[in-house]
Structure formats: C-alpha cells, structure tokens
Protein backbone atom coordinates (compact mmCIF):
# COMPACT_ATOMS: atom_id res chain seq x y z
CA MET A 1 10.56 -104.40 57.69
CA SER A 2 8.16 -102.23 55.70
CA LEU A 3 6.32 -102.89 52.48
CA SER A 4 5.34 -100.53 49.66
CA LYS A 5 3.58 -101.16 46.38
CA LEU A 6 5.22 -100.68 42.98
CA ASP A 7 2.59 -99.76 40.40
CA GLU A 8 2.51 -100.45 36.68
CA HIS A 9 4.14 -97.06 36.01
CA GLY A 10 7.14 -97.84 38.23
CA ARG A 11 5.98 -95.53 41.02
CA THR A 12 6.29 -96.34 44.69
CA TYR A 13 6.63 -94.53 48.00
CA VAL A 14 8.99 -94.77 50.93
CA PRO A 15 7.05 -95.85 54.02
CA GLU A 16 6.86 -93.22 56.78
CA ASP A 17 8.60 -95.38 59.38
CA VAL A 18 11.54 -95.90 57.02
CA LEU A 19 11.79 -92.15 56.42
CA LYS A 20 11.81 -91.45 60.16
CA ARG A 21 14.46 -94.08 60.94
CA SER A 22 16.70 -93.17 58.00
CA GLY A 23 16.79 -89.43 58.62
CA ILE A 24 16.11 -88.76 54.94
CA LYS A 25 15.11 -85.14 54.41
CA VAL A 26 12.52 -84.33 51.79
CA PRO A 27 12.55 -83.08 49.15
CA CYS A 28 15.27 -85.30 47.73
CA PHE A 29 15.87 -87.60 44.82
CA LEU A 30 16.52 -91.32 44.93
CA ARG A 31 19.08 -92.88 42.63
CA TRP A 32 18.22 -96.51 41.92
CA ARG A 33 20.60 -99.31 40.98
CA TYR A 34 20.38 -103.06 40.85
CA ASP A 35 23.20 -105.08 42.42
CA GLU A 36 23.31 -108.23 40.31
CA GLU A 37 25.71 -110.06 42.64
CA GLN A 38 23.44 -109.71 45.65
CA GLY A 39 20.18 -109.61 43.70
CA VAL A 40 18.98 -106.47 45.47
CA LEU A 41 17.61 -103.10 44.39
CA ILE A 42 19.37 -100.21 46.10
CA ALA A 43 18.01 -96.68 46.52
CA GLU A 44 20.56 -94.01 47.37
CA VAL A 45 19.55 -90.53 48.50
CA VAL A 46 20.61 -87.63 46.28
CA GLU A 47 19.99 -84.19 47.73
CA ASP A 48 17.80 -81.79 45.80
CA PRO A 49 20.36 -80.03 43.55
CA TYR A 50 18.86 -76.62 44.33
CA ILE A 51 19.29 -77.15 48.07
CA PHE A 52 22.76 -78.64 47.51
CA LEU A 53 23.89 -75.68 45.43
CA LYS A 54 22.15 -72.97 47.46
CA GLY A 55 24.13 -73.99 50.52
CA ARG A 56 27.35 -73.51 48.56
CA TYR A 57 26.73 -69.91 47.48
CA ARG A 58 25.85 -66.76 49.37
CA ASP A 59 23.70 -65.27 46.60
CA GLU A 60 20.26 -64.64 48.12
CA GLU A 61 18.73 -64.45 44.65
CA LEU A 62 20.08 -67.81 43.56
CA THR A 63 17.52 -69.80 41.62
CA TYR A 64 17.54 -73.24 40.07
CA ASP A 65 17.44 -71.66 36.60
CA LYS A 66 20.69 -69.82 37.32
CA VAL A 67 22.51 -73.02 38.22
CA GLU A 68 20.64 -75.52 36.08
CA HIS A 69 23.78 -76.54 34.17
CA GLN A 70 25.57 -77.22 37.47
CA ALA A 71 22.62 -79.25 38.74
CA ASP A 72 22.56 -81.26 35.50
CA ALA A 73 26.28 -81.95 35.93
CA LEU A 74 25.58 -83.29 39.44
CA PHE A 75 23.02 -85.72 38.07
CA LYS A 76 25.35 -86.86 35.30
CA ALA A 77 28.17 -87.42 37.82
CA ASP A 78 25.79 -89.37 40.07
CA ALA A 79 24.70 -91.55 37.15
CA ARG A 80 28.23 -92.89 36.66
C-alpha cells in the first residue's frame, strides 16, 4: 500500500510504485468518484483526449484545437 498527501487545494500525486504496477501511461486524466456504498474514493484513468483521437485519424496535422469539440464530448460522456 502506498500513501500520498492531499493538500488544501485538492491536489495529490499518484505514487511511482502504483504507476509502475498499474501500467498507467502519462499523460492521462483521472476521473474521480465516490462510492457511497463502499465508502471509497475511486480514480479511473481517462486517456488524454488528444492521444485518444489522434490514434483514430490518419491526419498528420491533427491538433487538439481541430478536435476540441470531440474531446469535450468525450469528457461529458465520461462524466455521466
């Protein structure tokens, strides 16, 4: 088990040993939710939308700005 500090601004970090064991690739986003039944905080990995979308298209000049609306839709879908 690893321990990390949560500061007064709600910031924390994922300990290096957890990253190595989990196979999480950075950069990524973490979606947080609280499971009231179990009383636990759960962090789920959400891929960087740019990386997610770039792998879906063959446009070498693809930028985040070009697909920002699609990336926003991904975040909204994940929030549900």
